[in-house]
Amino acid sequence: MPGFAQDILPLFREKDVKSMAFAFDLRAHAEVRANADSIYESLAGGNMPCDGAWTPERVALFRKWMDDGYQP
């Protein structure tokens, strides 16, 4: 079961954190959880991060984290 601190947070680069700071903090479990649906949509659609899409494996890991209950 993926956890935020161990598995999800390392997927976000400092560049990603800075570019999304206007909306929410990608380093904060509660904020990523609250925005997970829209983050997932952007990741799955290849619109986030803005400089190139995540691999399908990374997107699937994020989805699994969501499906497994957003573990911290």
Protein backbone atom coordinates (compact mmCIF):
# COMPACT_ATOMS: atom_id res chain seq x y z
CA MET A 1 0.00 0.00 0.00
CA PRO A 2 1.65 3.26 -1.08
CA GLY A 3 2.10 6.01 1.46
CA PHE A 4 2.36 9.74 0.85
CA ALA A 5 5.69 10.41 2.57
CA GLN A 6 7.42 7.32 1.22
CA ASP A 7 5.97 6.93 -2.26
CA ILE A 8 4.05 10.00 -3.46
CA LEU A 9 5.97 12.99 -2.11
CA PRO A 10 9.23 11.91 -3.82
CA LEU A 11 7.44 12.00 -7.18
CA PHE A 12 7.02 15.77 -6.92
CA ARG A 13 10.15 17.73 -7.76
CA GLU A 14 10.93 21.07 -6.13
CA LYS A 15 10.12 22.64 -9.50
CA ASP A 16 6.63 21.07 -9.35
CA VAL A 17 6.10 22.26 -5.78
CA LYS A 18 7.01 25.83 -6.75
CA SER A 19 4.86 25.88 -9.87
CA MET A 20 1.76 24.69 -7.95
CA ALA A 21 2.31 26.85 -4.85
CA PHE A 22 -0.30 29.34 -6.06
CA ALA A 23 -2.99 26.63 -5.68
CA PHE A 24 -1.80 24.24 -2.95
CA ASP A 25 1.29 22.73 -1.37
CA LEU A 26 2.36 19.48 -3.04
CA ARG A 27 4.47 18.71 0.04
CA ALA A 28 1.43 18.62 2.34
CA HIS A 29 -0.48 15.34 2.59
CA ALA A 30 -3.75 17.06 3.50
CA GLU A 31 -3.57 19.45 0.55
CA VAL A 32 -2.64 16.77 -1.98
CA ARG A 33 -5.40 14.55 -0.61
CA ALA A 34 -7.96 17.37 -0.87
CA ASN A 35 -6.94 18.00 -4.48
CA ALA A 36 -6.14 14.42 -5.49
CA ASP A 37 -8.92 14.10 -8.07
CA SER A 38 -7.82 17.16 -10.02
CA ILE A 39 -4.13 16.28 -9.63
CA TYR A 40 -4.84 12.78 -10.95
CA GLU A 41 -6.83 14.16 -13.91
CA SER A 42 -3.93 16.42 -14.81
CA LEU A 43 -1.37 13.64 -14.40
CA ALA A 44 -3.40 11.10 -16.38
CA GLY A 45 -4.06 13.67 -19.12
CA GLY A 46 -0.36 14.48 -19.41
CA ASN A 47 -0.93 18.11 -18.37
CA MET A 48 1.06 17.93 -15.16
CA PRO A 49 3.90 18.52 -14.71
CA CYS A 50 4.04 21.20 -17.33
CA ASP A 51 7.44 20.17 -18.71
CA GLY A 52 6.54 16.55 -19.51
CA ALA A 53 4.11 13.84 -18.54
CA TRP A 54 4.74 11.27 -15.83
CA THR A 55 5.29 7.70 -16.87
CA PRO A 56 2.22 5.45 -16.76
CA GLU A 57 3.76 3.68 -13.75
CA ARG A 58 3.97 6.92 -11.76
CA VAL A 59 0.39 7.84 -12.65
CA ALA A 60 -0.74 4.33 -11.63
CA LEU A 61 1.10 4.67 -8.30
CA PHE A 62 -0.69 7.95 -7.58
CA ARG A 63 -4.03 6.31 -8.47
CA LYS A 64 -3.25 3.33 -6.22
CA TRP A 65 -2.47 5.72 -3.37
CA MET A 66 -5.89 7.30 -3.89
CA ASP A 67 -7.68 3.96 -4.18
CA ASP A 68 -5.96 2.60 -1.07
CA GLY A 69 -7.20 5.47 1.11
CA TYR A 70 -4.61 8.26 0.79
CA GLN A 71 -2.22 6.80 3.37
CA PRO A 72 0.07 9.39 5.01
